[in-house]
C-alpha atoms as a PDB file:
ATOM      1  CA  MET A   1      12.937-123.648  90.307  1.00  0.00           C
ATOM      2  CA  PHE A   2      13.914-122.433  93.780  1.00  0.00           C
ATOM      3  CA  ARG A   3      15.030-118.230  92.498  1.00  0.00           C
ATOM      4  CA  VAL A   4      11.193-118.247  90.607  1.00  0.00           C
ATOM      5  CA  LEU A   5       9.336-119.105  93.506  1.00  0.00           C
ATOM      6  CA  PRO A   6      10.162-116.017  95.885  1.00  0.00           C
ATOM      7  CA  LEU A   7       9.484-113.966  92.939  1.00  0.00           C
ATOM      8  CA  LEU A   8       5.623-115.179  92.613  1.00  0.00           C
ATOM      9  CA  LEU A   9       5.270-114.746  96.572  1.00  0.00           C
ATOM     10  CA  LEU A  10       6.924-110.610  95.738  1.00  0.00           C
ATOM     11  CA  ALA A  11       3.867-110.790  92.529  1.00  0.00           C
ATOM     12  CA  GLY A  12       1.026-112.384  95.063  1.00  0.00           C
ATOM     13  CA  LEU A  13       2.279-109.361  97.753  1.00  0.00           C
ATOM     14  CA  MET A  14       1.897-106.807  95.188  1.00  0.00           C
ATOM     15  CA  VAL A  15      -1.051-107.433  94.143  1.00  0.00           C
ATOM     16  CA  LEU A  16      -2.834-108.069  97.868  1.00  0.00           C
ATOM     17  CA  VAL A  17      -2.018-105.070  98.570  1.00  0.00           C
ATOM     18  CA  ALA A  18      -3.123-103.216  94.726  1.00  0.00           C
ATOM     19  CA  LEU A  19      -6.044-104.553  95.811  1.00  0.00           C
ATOM     20  CA  ALA A  20      -6.501-103.344  99.240  1.00  0.00           C
ATOM     21  CA  LEU A  21      -6.098 -99.913  98.465  1.00  0.00           C
ATOM     22  CA  ALA A  22      -8.036-100.201  94.912  1.00  0.00           C
ATOM     23  CA  GLY A  23     -10.822-101.360  98.110  1.00  0.00           C
ATOM     24  CA  GLY A  24     -10.378 -99.109 100.857  1.00  0.00           C
ATOM     25  CA  SER A  25     -10.555 -96.088  97.593  1.00  0.00           C
ATOM     26  CA  ARG A  26     -14.449 -97.100  96.921  1.00  0.00           C
ATOM     27  CA  ALA A  27     -14.820 -97.559 100.397  1.00  0.00           C
ATOM     28  CA  SER A  28     -14.460 -93.609 100.967  1.00  0.00           C
ATOM     29  CA  ARG A  29     -16.076 -93.166  98.015  1.00  0.00           C
ATOM     30  CA  PRO A  30     -20.671 -92.406  98.944  1.00  0.00           C
ATOM     31  CA  LEU A  31     -23.205 -95.056  98.114  1.00  0.00           C
ATOM     32  CA  ASP A  32     -25.438 -93.088  97.598  1.00  0.00           C
ATOM     33  CA  PRO A  33     -24.441 -90.491  94.357  1.00  0.00           C
ATOM     34  CA  ARG A  34     -27.289 -87.302  96.428  1.00  0.00           C
ATOM     35  CA  HIS A  35     -25.414 -88.131  99.729  1.00  0.00           C
ATOM     36  CA  HIS A  36     -22.320 -86.136  97.848  1.00  0.00           C
ATOM     37  CA  ARG A  37     -22.057 -82.269  98.589  1.00  0.00           C
ATOM     38  CA  PRO A  38     -19.730 -80.659  97.017  1.00  0.00           C
ATOM     39  CA  ARG A  39     -17.085 -79.237  99.053  1.00  0.00           C
ATOM     40  CA  ARG A  40     -17.291 -75.062  98.454  1.00  0.00           C
ATOM     41  CA  GLY A  41     -13.396 -73.626  96.794  1.00  0.00           C
ATOM     42  CA  GLY A  42     -11.386 -71.428  98.999  1.00  0.00           C
ATOM     43  CA  VAL A  43     -13.096 -68.758  97.231  1.00  0.00           C
ATOM     44  CA  ALA A  44     -15.866 -66.173  98.213  1.00  0.00           C
ATOM     45  CA  ASP A  45     -18.726 -66.537  95.166  1.00  0.00           C
ATOM     46  CA  GLY A  46     -20.406 -63.052  94.237  1.00  0.00           C
ATOM     47  CA  PRO A  47     -23.398 -61.724  95.569  1.00  0.00           C
ATOM     48  CA  ALA A  48     -26.362 -65.055  94.090  1.00  0.00           C
ATOM     49  CA  PHE A  49     -30.080 -62.656  93.987  1.00  0.00           C
ATOM     50  CA  ASP A  50     -33.604 -64.596  94.210  1.00  0.00           C
ATOM     51  CA  ASP A  51     -35.788 -64.047  91.925  1.00  0.00           C
ATOM     52  CA  ALA A  52     -38.208 -63.683  94.562  1.00  0.00           C
ATOM     53  CA  ALA A  53     -36.853 -61.985  96.676  1.00  0.00           C
ATOM     54  CA  PHE A  54     -35.353 -59.237  94.556  1.00  0.00           C
ATOM     55  CA  SER A  55     -36.372 -58.570  90.929  1.00  0.00           C
ATOM     56  CA  GLY A  56     -39.721 -57.088  91.071  1.00  0.00           C
ATOM     57  CA  ALA A  57     -39.833 -58.202  86.495  1.00  0.00           C
ATOM     58  CA  ALA A  58     -41.281 -61.015  86.228  1.00  0.00           C
ATOM     59  CA  GLY A  59     -44.110 -63.492  87.885  1.00  0.00           C
ATOM     60  CA  PRO A  60     -43.298 -65.362  90.774  1.00  0.00           C
ATOM     61  CA  THR A  61     -40.355 -68.567  90.186  1.00  0.00           C
ATOM     62  CA  ALA A  62     -38.720 -70.774  91.051  1.00  0.00           C
ATOM     63  CA  GLY A  63     -34.900 -70.733  92.400  1.00  0.00           C
ATOM     64  CA  SER A  64     -32.845 -68.072  92.081  1.00  0.00           C
ATOM     65  CA  GLN A  65     -31.906 -65.396  89.235  1.00  0.00           C
ATOM     66  CA  ALA A  66     -29.636 -63.044  89.052  1.00  0.00           C
ATOM     67  CA  ALA A  67     -32.140 -59.247  89.387  1.00  0.00           C
ATOM     68  CA  THR A  68     -32.713 -57.760  86.495  1.00  0.00           C
ATOM     69  CA  ASP A  69     -33.361 -54.526  84.732  1.00  0.00           C
ATOM     70  CA  PHE A  70     -36.914 -54.034  84.822  1.00  0.00           C
ATOM     71  CA  VAL A  71     -37.179 -52.279  81.661  1.00  0.00           C
ATOM     72  CA  THR A  72     -33.917 -53.765  79.231  1.00  0.00           C
ATOM     73  CA  GLY A  73     -34.140 -57.651  81.306  1.00  0.00           C
ATOM     74  CA  ALA A  74     -29.899 -57.139  81.706  1.00  0.00           C
ATOM     75  CA  ALA A  75     -28.527 -58.818  85.019  1.00  0.00           C
ATOM     76  CA  LEU A  76     -27.862 -56.198  87.441  1.00  0.00           C
ATOM     77  CA  ASP A  77     -25.055 -54.729  89.047  1.00  0.00           C
ATOM     78  CA  PRO A  78     -24.592 -53.768  92.477  1.00  0.00           C
ATOM     79  CA  ALA A  79     -21.247 -53.143  91.725  1.00  0.00           C
ATOM     80  CA  HIS A  80     -22.738 -50.814  89.112  1.00  0.00           C
ATOM     81  CA  GLY A  81     -25.535 -49.460  91.757  1.00  0.00           C
ATOM     82  CA  ILE A  82     -29.136 -50.511  91.698  1.00  0.00           C
ATOM     83  CA  VAL A  83     -31.948 -47.966  91.659  1.00  0.00           C
ATOM     84  CA  ARG A  84     -35.592 -49.018  92.789  1.00  0.00           C
ATOM     85  CA  CYS A  85     -39.015 -48.476  92.505  1.00  0.00           C
ATOM     86  CA  ASP A  86     -40.707 -47.613  97.090  1.00  0.00           C
ATOM     87  CA  ASP A  87     -43.919 -47.982  95.681  1.00  0.00           C
ATOM     88  CA  CYS A  88     -42.863 -51.715  93.840  1.00  0.00           C
ATOM     89  CA  ARG A  89     -39.912 -52.186  94.156  1.00  0.00           C
ATOM     90  CA  ALA A  90     -38.996 -52.620  90.352  1.00  0.00           C
ATOM     91  CA  LEU A  91     -35.118 -52.556  90.039  1.00  0.00           C
ATOM     92  CA  TYR A  92     -32.905 -50.364  87.696  1.00  0.00           C
ATOM     93  CA  HIS A  93     -30.118 -49.516  85.851  1.00  0.00           C
ATOM     94  CA  PRO A  94     -29.889 -46.034  86.346  1.00  0.00           C
ATOM     95  CA  ASP A  95     -29.043 -45.605  83.094  1.00  0.00           C
ATOM     96  CA  THR A  96     -32.522 -46.844  82.291  1.00  0.00           C
ATOM     97  CA  ALA A  97     -33.784 -44.494  85.512  1.00  0.00           C
ATOM     98  CA  ALA A  98     -31.807 -41.712  83.664  1.00  0.00           C
ATOM     99  CA  LEU A  99     -34.541 -42.914  80.731  1.00  0.00           C
ATOM    100  CA  LEU A 100     -37.173 -42.530  82.689  1.00  0.00           C
ATOM    101  CA  ALA A 101     -36.296 -39.262  83.800  1.00  0.00           C
ATOM    102  CA  ASP A 102     -35.943 -37.696  80.779  1.00  0.00           C
ATOM    103  CA  HIS A 103     -39.283 -39.056  78.560  1.00  0.00           C
ATOM    104  CA  ASN A 104     -41.347 -40.128  81.241  1.00  0.00           C
ATOM    105  CA  ALA A 105     -41.227 -37.365  84.230  1.00  0.00           C
ATOM    106  CA  GLY A 106     -39.950 -39.970  86.394  1.00  0.00           C
ATOM    107  CA  ARG A 107     -42.882 -41.960  87.244  1.00  0.00           C
ATOM    108  CA  CYS A 108     -41.985 -46.159  87.402  1.00  0.00           C
ATOM    109  CA  ALA A 109     -42.221 -47.760  84.362  1.00  0.00           C
ATOM    110  CA  SER A 110     -44.283 -50.608  86.339  1.00  0.00           C
ATOM    111  CA  CYS A 111     -46.735 -48.575  88.075  1.00  0.00           C
ATOM    112  CA  GLY A 112     -45.897 -45.001  87.849  1.00  0.00           C
ATOM    113  CA  GLY A 113     -44.922 -44.058  91.044  1.00  0.00           C
ATOM    114  CA  THR A 114     -42.668 -41.497  91.659  1.00  0.00           C
ATOM    115  CA  ARG A 115     -40.774 -42.893  94.556  1.00  0.00           C
ATOM    116  CA  LEU A 116     -37.167 -43.615  92.999  1.00  0.00           C
ATOM    117  CA  ARG A 117     -34.182 -43.683  94.804  1.00  0.00           C
ATOM    118  CA  ARG A 118     -30.981 -45.383  94.057  1.00  0.00           C
ATOM    119  CA  LEU A 119     -30.859 -48.273  96.945  1.00  0.00           C
ATOM    120  CA  THR A 120     -27.805 -47.746  99.364  1.00  0.00           C
ATOM    121  CA  GLU A 121     -25.242 -50.959  99.674  1.00  0.00           C
ATOM    122  CA  ALA A 122     -26.986 -52.352 102.653  1.00  0.00           C
ATOM    123  CA  GLU A 123     -30.974 -52.205 101.181  1.00  0.00           C
ATOM    124  CA  VAL A 124     -28.959 -54.480  97.872  1.00  0.00           C
ATOM    125  CA  ARG A 125     -28.371 -56.971 100.747  1.00  0.00           C
ATOM    126  CA  ARG A 126     -31.614 -57.156 102.358  1.00  0.00           C
ATOM    127  CA  ALA A 127     -33.008 -57.376  99.343  1.00  0.00           C
ATOM    128  CA  ALA A 128     -30.513 -60.009  98.157  1.00  0.00           C
ATOM    129  CA  GLN A 129     -31.829 -62.163 101.533  1.00  0.00           C
ATOM    130  CA  GLY A 130     -35.461 -61.848 100.838  1.00  0.00           C
ATOM    131  CA  ALA A 131     -35.879 -59.547 103.645  1.00  0.00           C
ATOM    132  CA  GLU A 132     -38.164 -56.902 101.412  1.00  0.00           C
ATOM    133  CA  PRO A 133     -39.805 -59.041  99.173  1.00  0.00           C
ATOM    134  CA  PRO A 134     -41.561 -57.049  96.315  1.00  0.00           C
ATOM    135  CA  GLU A 135     -45.378 -55.953  94.990  1.00  0.00           C
ATOM    136  CA  ARG A 136     -45.795 -58.430  92.224  1.00  0.00           C
ATOM    137  CA  ASP A 137     -48.791 -57.816  90.963  1.00  0.00           C
ATOM    138  CA  ARG A 138     -48.150 -54.225  90.403  1.00  0.00           C
ATOM    139  CA  ALA A 139     -44.357 -55.526  88.359  1.00  0.00           C
ATOM    140  CA  LEU A 140     -45.759 -57.124  85.616  1.00  0.00           C
ATOM    141  CA  VAL A 141     -45.388 -56.541  82.169  1.00  0.00           C
ATOM    142  CA  PRO A 142     -48.651 -55.784  80.234  1.00  0.00           C
ATOM    143  CA  GLU A 143     -49.570 -56.478  76.609  1.00  0.00           C
ATOM    144  CA  PRO A 144     -52.811 -54.182  75.736  1.00  0.00           C
ATOM    145  CA  ASP A 145     -54.503 -54.389  72.323  1.00  0.00           C
ATOM    146  CA  THR A 146     -56.942 -51.998  72.906  1.00  0.00           C
ATOM    147  CA  PRO A 147     -56.981 -47.974  72.500  1.00  0.00           C
ATOM    148  CA  GLU A 148     -58.156 -48.062  76.101  1.00  0.00           C
ATOM    149  CA  ALA A 149     -56.280 -50.442  77.619  1.00  0.00           C
ATOM    150  CA  TYR A 150     -52.950 -48.364  75.380  1.00  0.00           C
ATOM    151  CA  ALA A 151     -54.385 -45.006  77.436  1.00  0.00           C
ATOM    152  CA  ARG A 152     -54.815 -47.095  80.776  1.00  0.00           C
ATOM    153  CA  ALA A 153     -50.879 -47.471  79.781  1.00  0.00           C
ATOM    154  CA  LEU A 154     -49.796 -43.945  79.521  1.00  0.00           C
ATOM    155  CA  GLY A 155     -45.728 -44.333  81.107  1.00  0.00           C
ATOM    156  CA  ARG A 156     -45.537 -47.943  81.630  1.00  0.00           C
ATOM    157  CA  LEU A 157     -43.852 -51.382  80.212  1.00  0.00           C
ATOM    158  CA  VAL A 158     -45.633 -52.877  77.721  1.00  0.00           C
ATOM    159  CA  THR A 159     -45.729 -55.528  75.210  1.00  0.00           C
ATOM    160  CA  VAL A 160     -47.280 -55.191  71.336  1.00  0.00           C
ATOM    161  CA  ARG A 161     -47.650 -57.520  68.696  1.00  0.00           C
ATOM    162  CA  GLY A 162     -48.038 -55.888  65.369  1.00  0.00           C
ATOM    163  CA  THR A 163     -45.966 -55.751  61.829  1.00  0.00           C
ATOM    164  CA  VAL A 164     -43.982 -52.398  61.276  1.00  0.00           C
ATOM    165  CA  VAL A 165     -44.754 -50.891  57.398  1.00  0.00           C
ATOM    166  CA  GLY A 166     -42.018 -48.856  57.023  1.00  0.00           C
ATOM    167  CA  ARG A 167     -40.037 -45.378  58.787  1.00  0.00           C
ATOM    168  CA  THR A 168     -40.875 -42.724  60.426  1.00  0.00           C
ATOM    169  CA  GLY A 169     -39.368 -39.571  61.235  1.00  0.00           C
ATOM    170  CA  PRO A 170     -36.366 -37.770  60.702  1.00  0.00           C
ATOM    171  CA  ARG A 171     -33.560 -39.924  58.693  1.00  0.00           C
ATOM    172  CA  GLY A 172     -30.659 -37.802  61.717  1.00  0.00           C
ATOM    173  CA  GLY A 173     -31.016 -39.279  65.171  1.00  0.00           C
ATOM    174  CA  TRP A 174     -32.165 -42.304  66.409  1.00  0.00           C
ATOM    175  CA  PRO A 175     -33.723 -45.087  64.339  1.00  0.00           C
ATOM    176  CA  GLN A 176     -38.148 -44.245  63.888  1.00  0.00           C
ATOM    177  CA  LEU A 177     -40.031 -47.146  62.799  1.00  0.00           C
ATOM    178  CA  LEU A 178     -43.610 -47.061  61.692  1.00  0.00           C
ATOM    179  CA  LEU A 179     -45.714 -50.042  63.732  1.00  0.00           C
ATOM    180  CA  ARG A 180     -48.818 -50.636  63.206  1.00  0.00           C
ATOM    181  CA  ASP A 181     -50.920 -54.001  65.451  1.00  0.00           C
ATOM    182  CA  GLU A 182     -53.280 -55.953  64.304  1.00  0.00           C
ATOM    183  CA  ARG A 183     -56.330 -53.217  65.510  1.00  0.00           C
ATOM    184  CA  GLY A 184     -54.770 -51.465  63.191  1.00  0.00           C
ATOM    185  CA  THR A 185     -53.186 -49.054  65.819  1.00  0.00           C
ATOM    186  CA  ALA A 186     -50.599 -46.921  64.936  1.00  0.00           C
ATOM    187  CA  PHE A 187     -46.965 -47.047  67.010  1.00  0.00           C
ATOM    188  CA  ARG A 188     -43.834 -44.611  66.425  1.00  0.00           C
ATOM    189  CA  VAL A 189     -40.638 -47.290  67.764  1.00  0.00           C
ATOM    190  CA  VAL A 190     -38.071 -45.262  68.817  1.00  0.00           C
ATOM    191  CA  LEU A 191     -35.205 -47.609  69.427  1.00  0.00           C
ATOM    192  CA  VAL A 192     -32.147 -45.710  71.393  1.00  0.00           C
ATOM    193  CA  GLY A 193     -28.763 -46.786  73.243  1.00  0.00           C
ATOM    194  CA  ASP A 194     -25.268 -47.233  72.031  1.00  0.00           C
ATOM    195  CA  ASP A 195     -26.827 -51.028  69.450  1.00  0.00           C
ATOM    196  CA  ALA A 196     -28.783 -47.928  68.180  1.00  0.00           C
ATOM    197  CA  ARG A 197     -26.768 -45.692  66.805  1.00  0.00           C
ATOM    198  CA  GLY A 198     -25.172 -45.097  63.451  1.00  0.00           C
ATOM    199  CA  LEU A 199     -24.758 -47.900  60.720  1.00  0.00           C
ATOM    200  CA  ARG A 200     -25.654 -50.673  63.236  1.00  0.00           C
ATOM    201  CA  GLY A 201     -29.102 -49.230  64.506  1.00  0.00           C
ATOM    202  CA  ARG A 202     -30.354 -48.195  60.416  1.00  0.00           C
ATOM    203  CA  ALA A 203     -29.563 -51.914  59.583  1.00  0.00           C
ATOM    204  CA  LEU A 204     -31.390 -53.000  62.327  1.00  0.00           C
ATOM    205  CA  ALA A 205     -35.027 -50.768  61.777  1.00  0.00           C
ATOM    206  CA  ASP A 206     -33.798 -51.318  57.776  1.00  0.00           C
ATOM    207  CA  GLY A 207     -33.996 -55.140  58.804  1.00  0.00           C
ATOM    208  CA  LEU A 208     -37.546 -54.905  60.725  1.00  0.00           C
ATOM    209  CA  ILE A 209     -39.584 -53.154  58.030  1.00  0.00           C
ATOM    210  CA  GLY A 210     -41.936 -55.893  57.103  1.00  0.00           C
ATOM    211  CA  SER A 211     -41.758 -58.121  59.717  1.00  0.00           C
ATOM    212  CA  ARG A 212     -44.297 -59.342  61.992  1.00  0.00           C
ATOM    213  CA  VAL A 213     -42.606 -58.133  65.732  1.00  0.00           C
ATOM    214  CA  ARG A 214     -43.512 -58.594  69.930  1.00  0.00           C
ATOM    215  CA  LEU A 215     -41.451 -56.337  71.083  1.00  0.00           C
ATOM    216  CA  ARG A 216     -41.459 -54.964  74.428  1.00  0.00           C
ATOM    217  CA  GLY A 217     -41.012 -50.889  75.245  1.00  0.00           C
ATOM    218  CA  LEU A 218     -42.261 -48.074  77.326  1.00  0.00           C
ATOM    219  CA  LEU A 219     -45.410 -46.324  76.573  1.00  0.00           C
ATOM    220  CA  LEU A 220     -45.664 -42.671  75.391  1.00  0.00           C
ATOM    221  CA  PRO A 221     -48.388 -40.542  74.131  1.00  0.00           C
ATOM    222  CA  ASP A 222     -46.371 -39.192  70.296  1.00  0.00           C
ATOM    223  CA  GLU A 223     -47.831 -36.353  68.627  1.00  0.00           C
ATOM    224  CA  ALA A 224     -47.130 -37.906  65.183  1.00  0.00           C
ATOM    225  CA  HIS A 225     -48.621 -41.147  65.612  1.00  0.00           C
ATOM    226  CA  GLY A 226     -51.097 -40.361  68.610  1.00  0.00           C
ATOM    227  CA  LEU A 227     -48.689 -43.106  70.282  1.00  0.00           C
ATOM    228  CA  ARG A 228     -44.793 -44.120  70.499  1.00  0.00           C
ATOM    229  CA  LEU A 229     -42.296 -47.087  72.278  1.00  0.00           C
ATOM    230  CA  LEU A 230     -38.969 -46.164  72.774  1.00  0.00           C
ATOM    231  CA  VAL A 231     -37.431 -49.529  72.601  1.00  0.00           C
ATOM    232  CA  PRO A 232     -33.878 -48.988  74.414  1.00  0.00           C
ATOM    233  CA  ASP A 233     -31.729 -51.674  73.812  1.00  0.00           C
ATOM    234  CA  PRO A 234     -32.374 -54.728  70.898  1.00  0.00           C
ATOM    235  CA  SER A 235     -32.943 -57.639  73.539  1.00  0.00           C
ATOM    236  CA  MET A 236     -36.293 -55.747  73.968  1.00  0.00           C
ATOM    237  CA  ILE A 237     -37.782 -57.496  70.747  1.00  0.00           C
ATOM    238  CA  LEU A 238     -38.853 -60.420  71.516  1.00  0.00           C
ATOM    239  CA  GLU A 239     -40.273 -61.946  67.935  1.00  0.00           C
ATOM    240  CA  ALA A 240     -39.336 -61.048  64.352  1.00  0.00           C
ATOM    241  CA  SER A 241     -40.688 -63.004  61.740  1.00  0.00           C
ATOM    242  CA  GLY A 242     -41.310 -62.233  57.777  1.00  0.00           C
END
């Protein structure tokens, strides 16, 4: 009995110590989870761009989003360069700006302005900090549906709804489709870019024939059909059914 007593006392002392340590650990945690703020790691984060201050491609939004190319909607990487329209502050990849130079006389696909230029590193930082808010009234994508509205939107990025009724143009080169909207207006849709090359591009085009689509493209005049939609990225095919 006397030999067991010290062991019982030692066990009780260990239990008391364990309870004290557990209580101290609980006390160190915030009672309200809303008061908890995780610590930042030692690695510096990359630049975060506020859509409301940096991207001219969308309407006002809450929160922070990555800046996007006004035409393709792809996230912009400042390391690869950013081109901005100084009239409406729509933003572009350099490749998209080159496409506008080749097919749209160098005009902005948002406002039609010609003051497209590559931003300096300092300008990218200022834009990311919200120092240069965009002029959003001229940075929206219209959805015209009458001949008059199409005429006013030439050279701009637009959204069109219609049915792909077949192929058009030569078999070689970029895939070309014939689209008619609900009023019967015809468009020659030209798919360009890496995803439109070769068999992959032909499969993409063939898969759209007979479908009702909603797509975004650069609206241009066309000698054969009156209107042309230049689509440089498959993501600009917003909907396809049927």
